[in-house]
Amino acid sequence: MTLRGVKPGSKSMNATYDVLARALFGSLAVVWGLVAVAMGDPPVVRAPTVADLAAAKAGRVAGGAAQGSVLDAGGADGWCDNYVWGPTVLFHGDIYPMWFAGGTTTKDLGVPYGIYERIGLATSRDGLNWELANDGRPVLDLGPAGSFDDTGLAHPFVMRVGDEYRMWYGGIDGRAARHLGLLPSHVRIEQIGLATSKDGIHWQRSTKPVMEIGPSGSIDSIQATGMHVLRKNDEYWIWYGGEDSSPPHLQRIGLMTLTLEKQVCSEIDEGQVTVHTPM
C-alpha cells in the first residue's frame, strides 16, 4: 500500500502504518466482541451482596382493588367477606394461579374464633390484576361432617408435580385445646391435610390428616399447620408450625417427611401415604 505524500521508509510513514494497524485490529476486536455476544457467550454477573440488596429500590405496588390491594375480600355468597390472606402463588404457562384462605364470620359457637375459613383461587396474567376462579366460589370447601376439616381450611401451600397440583393445608374440625383438657384453652386444633387436582379448581382430598396433632407435651399437641414443602424425588420434606400445650405454650417449627408409596393422581386412598417424623 502506498500513501500519497508520505516518503517510503520515513518515520512519518511508519507512524501512519502504526495508526492504521491499531485502528484495524481495534475494529476486529469490536467485531469479535459482537460475534461472541451473538453466539451467546454468557456475561459475567456476580451475585448481589447484602449491600446491593439494601441499596435496591423497593416499594409497594398499588393494585386495582380496594386501598391499592391486588385482591379484595368478598367472593360469591360472601364466603371471604371478612378477609383473604395466606396466598400461595405459582407461575404456569402464562398464568399466575394464587390459592388463598378466606374467612367469614359466624355466630355458631361451635366454630373456633367465630370464623369459617375456606380456600379459594384467583388467577392473573401480570401478578397485579386478579380474578376469582370457580365463579367466585371456594375451590376447597368445608369437609363432610365429622371429618378433620369440617369447620375450616387454612394455610394452603401448593406445588405442581408433573401434571397435577398438590396442596397441603391446615384442617380445622371445630375443636379447641379445651376439648382436650389443654391450654391455651381457646386455640383451635389444626392438622395437616393433603389434596390433589389436575386443574387447580377440582380437588380430591385425603379423608384423614397426613399429619395429626401430637400427644400432650409434644411441640404440636394443639396445632400442626402453616407448612412449607420441598420435594426430594418421591419424598416430601415438610416444615410446619407447631403449637404445644406445655407452659409457656411456645410455637416452634417442626419437620416431617411424607412418602407417596405410589403416584397419586385423581384420588388419595388410605394406605398410600406414609408419614415419618425425623428425630
C-alpha atoms as a PDB file:
ATOM      1  CA  MET A   1       0.000   0.000   0.000  1.00  0.00           C
ATOM      2  CA  THR A   2       1.355   3.450  -0.952  1.00  0.00           C
ATOM      3  CA  LEU A   3       0.323   6.631   0.796  1.00  0.00           C
ATOM      4  CA  ARG A   4       0.476   9.856  -1.165  1.00  0.00           C
ATOM      5  CA  GLY A   5       2.752  12.481   0.284  1.00  0.00           C
ATOM      6  CA  VAL A   6       4.475  10.023   2.574  1.00  0.00           C
ATOM      7  CA  LYS A   7       8.046   9.047   1.764  1.00  0.00           C
ATOM      8  CA  PRO A   8       8.630   5.246   1.885  1.00  0.00           C
ATOM      9  CA  GLY A   9      10.741   4.215   4.873  1.00  0.00           C
ATOM     10  CA  SER A  10      10.348   7.540   6.587  1.00  0.00           C
ATOM     11  CA  LYS A  11       9.362   7.946  10.238  1.00  0.00           C
ATOM     12  CA  SER A  12       6.091   9.551   9.178  1.00  0.00           C
ATOM     13  CA  MET A  13       5.209   6.530   7.024  1.00  0.00           C
ATOM     14  CA  ASN A  14       5.963   4.110   9.847  1.00  0.00           C
ATOM     15  CA  ALA A  15       3.842   6.160  12.258  1.00  0.00           C
ATOM     16  CA  THR A  16       0.986   6.218   9.773  1.00  0.00           C
ATOM     17  CA  TYR A  17       1.078   2.438   9.326  1.00  0.00           C
ATOM     18  CA  ASP A  18       1.128   2.061  13.089  1.00  0.00           C
ATOM     19  CA  VAL A  19      -2.039   4.159  13.435  1.00  0.00           C
ATOM     20  CA  LEU A  20      -3.771   2.189  10.671  1.00  0.00           C
ATOM     21  CA  ALA A  21      -2.795  -1.143  12.236  1.00  0.00           C
ATOM     22  CA  ARG A  22      -4.153  -0.104  15.632  1.00  0.00           C
ATOM     23  CA  ALA A  23      -7.417   1.006  14.053  1.00  0.00           C
ATOM     24  CA  LEU A  24      -7.733  -2.210  12.044  1.00  0.00           C
ATOM     25  CA  PHE A  25      -7.101  -4.572  14.970  1.00  0.00           C
ATOM     26  CA  GLY A  26      -9.316  -2.448  17.201  1.00  0.00           C
ATOM     27  CA  SER A  27     -12.179  -2.849  14.702  1.00  0.00           C
ATOM     28  CA  LEU A  28     -11.616  -6.592  14.544  1.00  0.00           C
ATOM     29  CA  ALA A  29     -11.762  -6.757  18.307  1.00  0.00           C
ATOM     30  CA  VAL A  30     -15.108  -4.952  18.301  1.00  0.00           C
ATOM     31  CA  VAL A  31     -16.422  -7.248  15.584  1.00  0.00           C
ATOM     32  CA  TRP A  32     -15.290 -10.328  17.527  1.00  0.00           C
ATOM     33  CA  GLY A  33     -16.976  -8.987  20.619  1.00  0.00           C
ATOM     34  CA  LEU A  34     -20.246  -8.633  18.720  1.00  0.00           C
ATOM     35  CA  VAL A  35     -19.882 -12.139  17.301  1.00  0.00           C
ATOM     36  CA  ALA A  36     -19.255 -13.520  20.783  1.00  0.00           C
ATOM     37  CA  VAL A  37     -22.373 -11.847  22.131  1.00  0.00           C
ATOM     38  CA  ALA A  38     -24.403 -13.132  19.177  1.00  0.00           C
ATOM     39  CA  MET A  39     -23.127 -16.648  19.809  1.00  0.00           C
ATOM     40  CA  GLY A  40     -24.388 -16.436  23.355  1.00  0.00           C
ATOM     41  CA  ASP A  41     -21.249 -16.220  25.457  1.00  0.00           C
ATOM     42  CA  PRO A  42     -22.590 -15.786  28.987  1.00  0.00           C
ATOM     43  CA  PRO A  43     -21.977 -12.379  30.564  1.00  0.00           C
ATOM     44  CA  VAL A  44     -20.009 -12.279  33.768  1.00  0.00           C
ATOM     45  CA  VAL A  45     -22.533 -11.480  36.503  1.00  0.00           C
ATOM     46  CA  ARG A  46     -21.747 -11.513  40.183  1.00  0.00           C
ATOM     47  CA  ALA A  47     -24.270 -12.367  42.856  1.00  0.00           C
ATOM     48  CA  PRO A  48     -25.703  -9.315  44.640  1.00  0.00           C
ATOM     49  CA  THR A  49     -24.245  -8.608  48.042  1.00  0.00           C
ATOM     50  CA  VAL A  50     -26.179  -7.669  51.169  1.00  0.00           C
ATOM     51  CA  ALA A  51     -25.132  -4.060  50.499  1.00  0.00           C
ATOM     52  CA  ASP A  52     -26.548  -4.300  46.943  1.00  0.00           C
ATOM     53  CA  LEU A  53     -29.848  -5.627  48.234  1.00  0.00           C
ATOM     54  CA  ALA A  54     -30.001  -2.999  50.971  1.00  0.00           C
ATOM     55  CA  ALA A  55     -29.477  -0.271  48.372  1.00  0.00           C
ATOM     56  CA  ALA A  56     -32.014  -1.730  45.926  1.00  0.00           C
ATOM     57  CA  LYS A  57     -35.156   0.258  45.301  1.00  0.00           C
ATOM     58  CA  ALA A  58     -38.164  -1.404  46.897  1.00  0.00           C
ATOM     59  CA  GLY A  59     -41.713  -0.290  47.285  1.00  0.00           C
ATOM     60  CA  ARG A  60     -45.317  -1.366  47.403  1.00  0.00           C
ATOM     61  CA  VAL A  61     -47.081  -1.768  44.070  1.00  0.00           C
ATOM     62  CA  ALA A  62     -50.614  -0.449  44.056  1.00  0.00           C
ATOM     63  CA  GLY A  63     -53.214  -2.825  42.665  1.00  0.00           C
ATOM     64  CA  GLY A  64     -56.643  -2.062  41.313  1.00  0.00           C
ATOM     65  CA  ALA A  65     -58.602  -3.443  44.261  1.00  0.00           C
ATOM     66  CA  ALA A  66     -59.622  -1.592  47.420  1.00  0.00           C
ATOM     67  CA  GLN A  67     -56.969   0.611  49.019  1.00  0.00           C
ATOM     68  CA  GLY A  68     -54.377  -0.440  46.460  1.00  0.00           C
ATOM     69  CA  SER A  69     -54.651  -4.154  47.194  1.00  0.00           C
ATOM     70  CA  VAL A  70     -54.488  -6.693  44.371  1.00  0.00           C
ATOM     71  CA  LEU A  71     -57.267  -8.910  45.776  1.00  0.00           C
ATOM     72  CA  ASP A  72     -60.090  -7.717  47.969  1.00  0.00           C
ATOM     73  CA  ALA A  73     -62.331  -9.597  50.369  1.00  0.00           C
ATOM     74  CA  GLY A  74     -65.729 -10.708  49.073  1.00  0.00           C
ATOM     75  CA  GLY A  75     -66.393 -13.789  46.972  1.00  0.00           C
ATOM     76  CA  ALA A  76     -69.659 -15.350  45.851  1.00  0.00           C
ATOM     77  CA  ASP A  77     -72.157 -15.524  48.727  1.00  0.00           C
ATOM     78  CA  GLY A  78     -69.654 -13.661  50.897  1.00  0.00           C
ATOM     79  CA  TRP A  79     -67.582 -16.723  51.849  1.00  0.00           C
ATOM     80  CA  CYS A  80     -64.487 -14.491  52.201  1.00  0.00           C
ATOM     81  CA  ASP A  81     -66.137 -11.180  53.008  1.00  0.00           C
ATOM     82  CA  ASN A  82     -64.164 -10.787  56.230  1.00  0.00           C
ATOM     83  CA  TYR A  83     -60.673 -11.344  54.850  1.00  0.00           C
ATOM     84  CA  VAL A  84     -58.433 -13.002  52.265  1.00  0.00           C
ATOM     85  CA  TRP A  85     -54.908 -13.944  53.283  1.00  0.00           C
ATOM     86  CA  GLY A  86     -52.127 -16.570  53.229  1.00  0.00           C
ATOM     87  CA  PRO A  87     -51.509 -16.674  49.440  1.00  0.00           C
ATOM     88  CA  THR A  88     -49.513 -19.419  47.737  1.00  0.00           C
ATOM     89  CA  VAL A  89     -48.621 -18.479  44.143  1.00  0.00           C
ATOM     90  CA  LEU A  90     -47.202 -20.393  41.170  1.00  0.00           C
ATOM     91  CA  PHE A  91     -46.482 -19.469  37.543  1.00  0.00           C
ATOM     92  CA  HIS A  92     -47.642 -21.929  34.897  1.00  0.00           C
ATOM     93  CA  GLY A  93     -47.737 -21.204  31.164  1.00  0.00           C
ATOM     94  CA  ASP A  94     -48.680 -17.537  31.088  1.00  0.00           C
ATOM     95  CA  ILE A  95     -50.919 -17.590  34.165  1.00  0.00           C
ATOM     96  CA  TYR A  96     -50.301 -16.931  37.835  1.00  0.00           C
ATOM     97  CA  PRO A  97     -52.632 -19.096  39.950  1.00  0.00           C
ATOM     98  CA  MET A  98     -52.964 -17.951  43.565  1.00  0.00           C
ATOM     99  CA  TRP A  99     -54.670 -20.052  46.211  1.00  0.00           C
ATOM    100  CA  PHE A 100     -55.585 -18.294  49.427  1.00  0.00           C
ATOM    101  CA  ALA A 101     -57.582 -18.657  52.616  1.00  0.00           C
ATOM    102  CA  GLY A 102     -60.715 -16.582  53.020  1.00  0.00           C
ATOM    103  CA  GLY A 103     -62.857 -16.074  56.075  1.00  0.00           C
ATOM    104  CA  THR A 104     -66.375 -15.064  57.022  1.00  0.00           C
ATOM    105  CA  THR A 105     -67.793 -14.574  60.497  1.00  0.00           C
ATOM    106  CA  THR A 106     -70.436 -16.786  62.067  1.00  0.00           C
ATOM    107  CA  LYS A 107     -72.427 -16.743  65.293  1.00  0.00           C
ATOM    108  CA  ASP A 108     -72.112 -20.512  65.606  1.00  0.00           C
ATOM    109  CA  LEU A 109     -70.448 -21.045  68.983  1.00  0.00           C
ATOM    110  CA  GLY A 110     -69.077 -24.363  67.790  1.00  0.00           C
ATOM    111  CA  VAL A 111     -66.766 -22.654  65.304  1.00  0.00           C
ATOM    112  CA  PRO A 112     -63.389 -21.594  66.758  1.00  0.00           C
ATOM    113  CA  TYR A 113     -62.763 -17.849  66.695  1.00  0.00           C
ATOM    114  CA  GLY A 114     -66.226 -17.396  65.168  1.00  0.00           C
ATOM    115  CA  ILE A 115     -64.742 -17.687  61.661  1.00  0.00           C
ATOM    116  CA  TYR A 116     -65.342 -20.147  58.832  1.00  0.00           C
ATOM    117  CA  GLU A 117     -62.264 -20.401  56.614  1.00  0.00           C
ATOM    118  CA  ARG A 118     -62.156 -21.906  53.136  1.00  0.00           C
ATOM    119  CA  ILE A 119     -59.652 -21.962  50.282  1.00  0.00           C
ATOM    120  CA  GLY A 120     -60.175 -20.053  47.049  1.00  0.00           C
ATOM    121  CA  LEU A 121     -58.323 -19.486  43.785  1.00  0.00           C
ATOM    122  CA  ALA A 122     -57.607 -16.322  41.825  1.00  0.00           C
ATOM    123  CA  THR A 123     -55.707 -16.031  38.530  1.00  0.00           C
ATOM    124  CA  SER A 124     -53.701 -13.281  36.876  1.00  0.00           C
ATOM    125  CA  ARG A 125     -51.605 -12.678  33.773  1.00  0.00           C
ATOM    126  CA  ASP A 126     -49.474  -9.932  35.283  1.00  0.00           C
ATOM    127  CA  GLY A 127     -49.462 -10.618  39.026  1.00  0.00           C
ATOM    128  CA  LEU A 128     -51.253  -7.349  39.647  1.00  0.00           C
ATOM    129  CA  ASN A 129     -54.780  -7.769  38.335  1.00  0.00           C
ATOM    130  CA  TRP A 130     -56.583 -10.834  39.664  1.00  0.00           C
ATOM    131  CA  GLU A 131     -59.911 -12.541  39.024  1.00  0.00           C
ATOM    132  CA  LEU A 132     -61.565 -15.111  41.253  1.00  0.00           C
ATOM    133  CA  ALA A 133     -61.861 -18.529  39.639  1.00  0.00           C
ATOM    134  CA  ASN A 134     -64.694 -21.054  40.019  1.00  0.00           C
ATOM    135  CA  ASP A 135     -67.308 -18.295  39.690  1.00  0.00           C
ATOM    136  CA  GLY A 136     -66.018 -16.741  42.885  1.00  0.00           C
ATOM    137  CA  ARG A 137     -66.735 -19.824  45.000  1.00  0.00           C
ATOM    138  CA  PRO A 138     -64.188 -21.715  47.124  1.00  0.00           C
ATOM    139  CA  VAL A 139     -62.200 -24.420  45.344  1.00  0.00           C
ATOM    140  CA  LEU A 140     -61.802 -26.360  48.584  1.00  0.00           C
ATOM    141  CA  ASP A 141     -64.824 -26.083  50.870  1.00  0.00           C
ATOM    142  CA  LEU A 142     -65.608 -27.481  54.297  1.00  0.00           C
ATOM    143  CA  GLY A 143     -65.237 -31.238  54.541  1.00  0.00           C
ATOM    144  CA  PRO A 144     -68.113 -33.617  55.319  1.00  0.00           C
ATOM    145  CA  ALA A 145     -69.484 -33.688  58.861  1.00  0.00           C
ATOM    146  CA  GLY A 146     -67.158 -35.486  61.229  1.00  0.00           C
ATOM    147  CA  SER A 147     -64.059 -35.003  59.079  1.00  0.00           C
ATOM    148  CA  PHE A 148     -60.846 -33.329  60.239  1.00  0.00           C
ATOM    149  CA  ASP A 149     -61.658 -30.227  58.139  1.00  0.00           C
ATOM    150  CA  ASP A 150     -65.433 -29.919  58.506  1.00  0.00           C
ATOM    151  CA  THR A 151     -65.191 -26.490  60.181  1.00  0.00           C
ATOM    152  CA  GLY A 152     -62.440 -24.822  58.177  1.00  0.00           C
ATOM    153  CA  LEU A 153     -59.359 -24.943  55.985  1.00  0.00           C
ATOM    154  CA  ALA A 154     -56.395 -22.586  56.328  1.00  0.00           C
ATOM    155  CA  HIS A 155     -52.725 -22.052  55.459  1.00  0.00           C
ATOM    156  CA  PRO A 156     -52.646 -23.549  51.937  1.00  0.00           C
ATOM    157  CA  PHE A 157     -49.342 -24.430  50.292  1.00  0.00           C
ATOM    158  CA  VAL A 158     -49.440 -25.619  46.666  1.00  0.00           C
ATOM    159  CA  MET A 159     -46.796 -27.118  44.394  1.00  0.00           C
ATOM    160  CA  ARG A 160     -47.033 -28.542  40.894  1.00  0.00           C
ATOM    161  CA  VAL A 161     -45.754 -32.081  40.379  1.00  0.00           C
ATOM    162  CA  GLY A 162     -45.909 -33.349  36.807  1.00  0.00           C
ATOM    163  CA  ASP A 163     -49.385 -32.631  35.500  1.00  0.00           C
ATOM    164  CA  GLU A 164     -51.094 -32.138  38.850  1.00  0.00           C
ATOM    165  CA  TYR A 165     -51.221 -29.750  41.763  1.00  0.00           C
ATOM    166  CA  ARG A 166     -50.706 -30.869  45.339  1.00  0.00           C
ATOM    167  CA  MET A 167     -51.987 -28.805  48.230  1.00  0.00           C
ATOM    168  CA  TRP A 168     -51.148 -29.093  51.890  1.00  0.00           C
ATOM    169  CA  TYR A 169     -53.373 -27.165  54.262  1.00  0.00           C
ATOM    170  CA  GLY A 170     -54.467 -26.868  57.869  1.00  0.00           C
ATOM    171  CA  GLY A 171     -57.707 -28.720  58.593  1.00  0.00           C
ATOM    172  CA  ILE A 172     -59.986 -27.368  61.348  1.00  0.00           C
ATOM    173  CA  ASP A 173     -62.500 -29.714  62.971  1.00  0.00           C
ATOM    174  CA  GLY A 174     -64.183 -27.358  65.426  1.00  0.00           C
ATOM    175  CA  ARG A 175     -62.260 -28.477  68.487  1.00  0.00           C
ATOM    176  CA  ALA A 176     -60.158 -26.197  70.638  1.00  0.00           C
ATOM    177  CA  ALA A 177     -57.457 -27.047  73.148  1.00  0.00           C
ATOM    178  CA  ARG A 178     -60.020 -27.030  75.969  1.00  0.00           C
ATOM    179  CA  HIS A 179     -61.765 -30.029  74.404  1.00  0.00           C
ATOM    180  CA  LEU A 180     -58.575 -31.984  75.027  1.00  0.00           C
ATOM    181  CA  GLY A 181     -58.090 -30.557  78.502  1.00  0.00           C
ATOM    182  CA  LEU A 182     -55.178 -28.455  77.271  1.00  0.00           C
ATOM    183  CA  LEU A 183     -54.087 -24.834  77.439  1.00  0.00           C
ATOM    184  CA  PRO A 184     -54.337 -22.214  75.997  1.00  0.00           C
ATOM    185  CA  SER A 185     -57.970 -23.286  76.008  1.00  0.00           C
ATOM    186  CA  HIS A 186     -59.144 -21.070  73.130  1.00  0.00           C
ATOM    187  CA  VAL A 187     -56.588 -22.159  70.485  1.00  0.00           C
ATOM    188  CA  ARG A 188     -58.187 -24.190  67.725  1.00  0.00           C
ATOM    189  CA  ILE A 189     -56.961 -27.611  66.685  1.00  0.00           C
ATOM    190  CA  GLU A 190     -55.336 -27.749  63.246  1.00  0.00           C
ATOM    191  CA  GLN A 191     -53.940 -30.794  61.455  1.00  0.00           C
ATOM    192  CA  ILE A 192     -52.262 -31.082  58.058  1.00  0.00           C
ATOM    193  CA  GLY A 193     -54.353 -32.278  55.140  1.00  0.00           C
ATOM    194  CA  LEU A 194     -53.427 -33.072  51.532  1.00  0.00           C
ATOM    195  CA  ALA A 195     -55.432 -32.670  48.324  1.00  0.00           C
ATOM    196  CA  THR A 196     -54.606 -33.156  44.624  1.00  0.00           C
ATOM    197  CA  SER A 197     -56.013 -31.571  41.478  1.00  0.00           C
ATOM    198  CA  LYS A 198     -55.467 -31.566  37.733  1.00  0.00           C
ATOM    199  CA  ASP A 199     -56.807 -28.051  37.150  1.00  0.00           C
ATOM    200  CA  GLY A 200     -56.375 -26.285  40.484  1.00  0.00           C
ATOM    201  CA  ILE A 201     -60.150 -25.988  40.903  1.00  0.00           C
ATOM    202  CA  HIS A 202     -61.489 -29.512  41.424  1.00  0.00           C
ATOM    203  CA  TRP A 203     -59.708 -31.263  44.271  1.00  0.00           C
ATOM    204  CA  GLN A 204     -59.633 -34.737  45.761  1.00  0.00           C
ATOM    205  CA  ARG A 205     -58.616 -34.653  49.421  1.00  0.00           C
ATOM    206  CA  SER A 206     -57.358 -37.167  51.927  1.00  0.00           C
ATOM    207  CA  THR A 207     -60.054 -38.450  54.265  1.00  0.00           C
ATOM    208  CA  LYS A 208     -57.640 -38.284  57.196  1.00  0.00           C
ATOM    209  CA  PRO A 209     -54.929 -35.756  58.029  1.00  0.00           C
ATOM    210  CA  VAL A 210     -51.496 -36.680  56.723  1.00  0.00           C
ATOM    211  CA  MET A 211     -50.171 -35.341  59.993  1.00  0.00           C
ATOM    212  CA  GLU A 212     -52.227 -35.328  63.164  1.00  0.00           C
ATOM    213  CA  ILE A 213     -51.510 -33.318  66.274  1.00  0.00           C
ATOM    214  CA  GLY A 214     -49.037 -34.951  68.636  1.00  0.00           C
ATOM    215  CA  PRO A 215     -49.503 -36.199  72.189  1.00  0.00           C
ATOM    216  CA  SER A 216     -49.556 -33.879  75.182  1.00  0.00           C
ATOM    217  CA  GLY A 217     -46.084 -32.496  75.753  1.00  0.00           C
ATOM    218  CA  SER A 218     -45.048 -32.617  72.096  1.00  0.00           C
ATOM    219  CA  ILE A 219     -44.313 -29.490  70.050  1.00  0.00           C
ATOM    220  CA  ASP A 220     -47.582 -29.913  68.117  1.00  0.00           C
ATOM    221  CA  SER A 221     -50.089 -31.140  70.684  1.00  0.00           C
ATOM    222  CA  ILE A 222     -52.546 -28.386  69.649  1.00  0.00           C
ATOM    223  CA  GLN A 223     -51.603 -27.396  66.123  1.00  0.00           C
ATOM    224  CA  ALA A 224     -49.595 -28.671  63.166  1.00  0.00           C
ATOM    225  CA  THR A 225     -50.132 -26.217  60.320  1.00  0.00           C
ATOM    226  CA  GLY A 226     -48.638 -23.371  58.289  1.00  0.00           C
ATOM    227  CA  MET A 227     -46.241 -25.535  56.287  1.00  0.00           C
ATOM    228  CA  HIS A 228     -43.590 -25.123  53.588  1.00  0.00           C
ATOM    229  CA  VAL A 229     -42.852 -28.154  51.400  1.00  0.00           C
ATOM    230  CA  LEU A 230     -39.869 -29.257  49.308  1.00  0.00           C
ATOM    231  CA  ARG A 231     -39.854 -32.333  47.083  1.00  0.00           C
ATOM    232  CA  LYS A 232     -36.942 -34.780  47.044  1.00  0.00           C
ATOM    233  CA  ASN A 233     -37.767 -37.468  44.452  1.00  0.00           C
ATOM    234  CA  ASP A 234     -40.839 -39.258  45.875  1.00  0.00           C
ATOM    235  CA  GLU A 235     -40.328 -37.860  49.349  1.00  0.00           C
ATOM    236  CA  TYR A 236     -41.593 -34.549  50.660  1.00  0.00           C
ATOM    237  CA  TRP A 237     -39.928 -32.595  53.427  1.00  0.00           C
ATOM    238  CA  ILE A 238     -42.487 -30.515  55.272  1.00  0.00           C
ATOM    239  CA  TRP A 239     -41.577 -27.808  57.745  1.00  0.00           C
ATOM    240  CA  TYR A 240     -44.572 -26.713  59.763  1.00  0.00           C
ATOM    241  CA  GLY A 241     -45.626 -24.587  62.688  1.00  0.00           C
ATOM    242  CA  GLY A 242     -46.371 -26.494  65.862  1.00  0.00           C
ATOM    243  CA  GLU A 243     -48.080 -25.187  68.970  1.00  0.00           C
ATOM    244  CA  ASP A 244     -47.823 -27.066  72.229  1.00  0.00           C
ATOM    245  CA  SER A 245     -49.810 -27.128  75.448  1.00  0.00           C
ATOM    246  CA  SER A 246     -46.937 -27.105  77.917  1.00  0.00           C
ATOM    247  CA  PRO A 247     -46.138 -23.817  79.674  1.00  0.00           C
ATOM    248  CA  PRO A 248     -45.030 -21.367  78.402  1.00  0.00           C
ATOM    249  CA  HIS A 249     -47.077 -22.596  75.395  1.00  0.00           C
ATOM    250  CA  LEU A 250     -44.449 -21.962  72.759  1.00  0.00           C
ATOM    251  CA  GLN A 251     -44.778 -22.127  68.997  1.00  0.00           C
ATOM    252  CA  ARG A 252     -41.965 -23.975  67.278  1.00  0.00           C
ATOM    253  CA  ILE A 253     -41.071 -25.224  63.816  1.00  0.00           C
ATOM    254  CA  GLY A 254     -41.164 -28.969  63.240  1.00  0.00           C
ATOM    255  CA  LEU A 255     -40.184 -31.220  60.348  1.00  0.00           C
ATOM    256  CA  MET A 256     -41.960 -34.235  58.923  1.00  0.00           C
ATOM    257  CA  THR A 257     -41.326 -36.260  55.791  1.00  0.00           C
ATOM    258  CA  LEU A 258     -44.022 -37.804  53.662  1.00  0.00           C
ATOM    259  CA  THR A 259     -43.565 -40.613  51.152  1.00  0.00           C
ATOM    260  CA  LEU A 260     -46.140 -41.328  48.453  1.00  0.00           C
ATOM    261  CA  GLU A 261     -45.907 -45.064  48.005  1.00  0.00           C
ATOM    262  CA  LYS A 262     -47.416 -44.834  44.544  1.00  0.00           C
ATOM    263  CA  GLN A 263     -48.303 -42.000  42.223  1.00  0.00           C
ATOM    264  CA  VAL A 264     -51.320 -40.100  43.467  1.00  0.00           C
ATOM    265  CA  CYS A 265     -53.356 -38.617  40.641  1.00  0.00           C
ATOM    266  CA  SER A 266     -57.112 -38.332  40.941  1.00  0.00           C
ATOM    267  CA  GLU A 267     -57.667 -39.639  44.440  1.00  0.00           C
ATOM    268  CA  ILE A 268     -55.944 -40.327  47.720  1.00  0.00           C
ATOM    269  CA  ASP A 269     -56.817 -43.575  49.447  1.00  0.00           C
ATOM    270  CA  GLU A 270     -55.894 -44.705  52.904  1.00  0.00           C
ATOM    271  CA  GLY A 271     -52.632 -46.614  52.897  1.00  0.00           C
ATOM    272  CA  GLN A 272     -50.956 -44.582  50.172  1.00  0.00           C
ATOM    273  CA  VAL A 273     -49.323 -42.109  52.498  1.00  0.00           C
ATOM    274  CA  THR A 274     -46.565 -42.862  54.958  1.00  0.00           C
ATOM    275  CA  VAL A 275     -45.515 -40.171  57.408  1.00  0.00           C
ATOM    276  CA  HIS A 276     -42.198 -40.017  59.226  1.00  0.00           C
ATOM    277  CA  THR A 277     -41.204 -37.550  61.897  1.00  0.00           C
ATOM    278  CA  PRO A 278     -37.381 -37.343  61.953  1.00  0.00           C
ATOM    279  CA  MET A 279     -35.829 -37.401  65.404  1.00  0.00           C
END
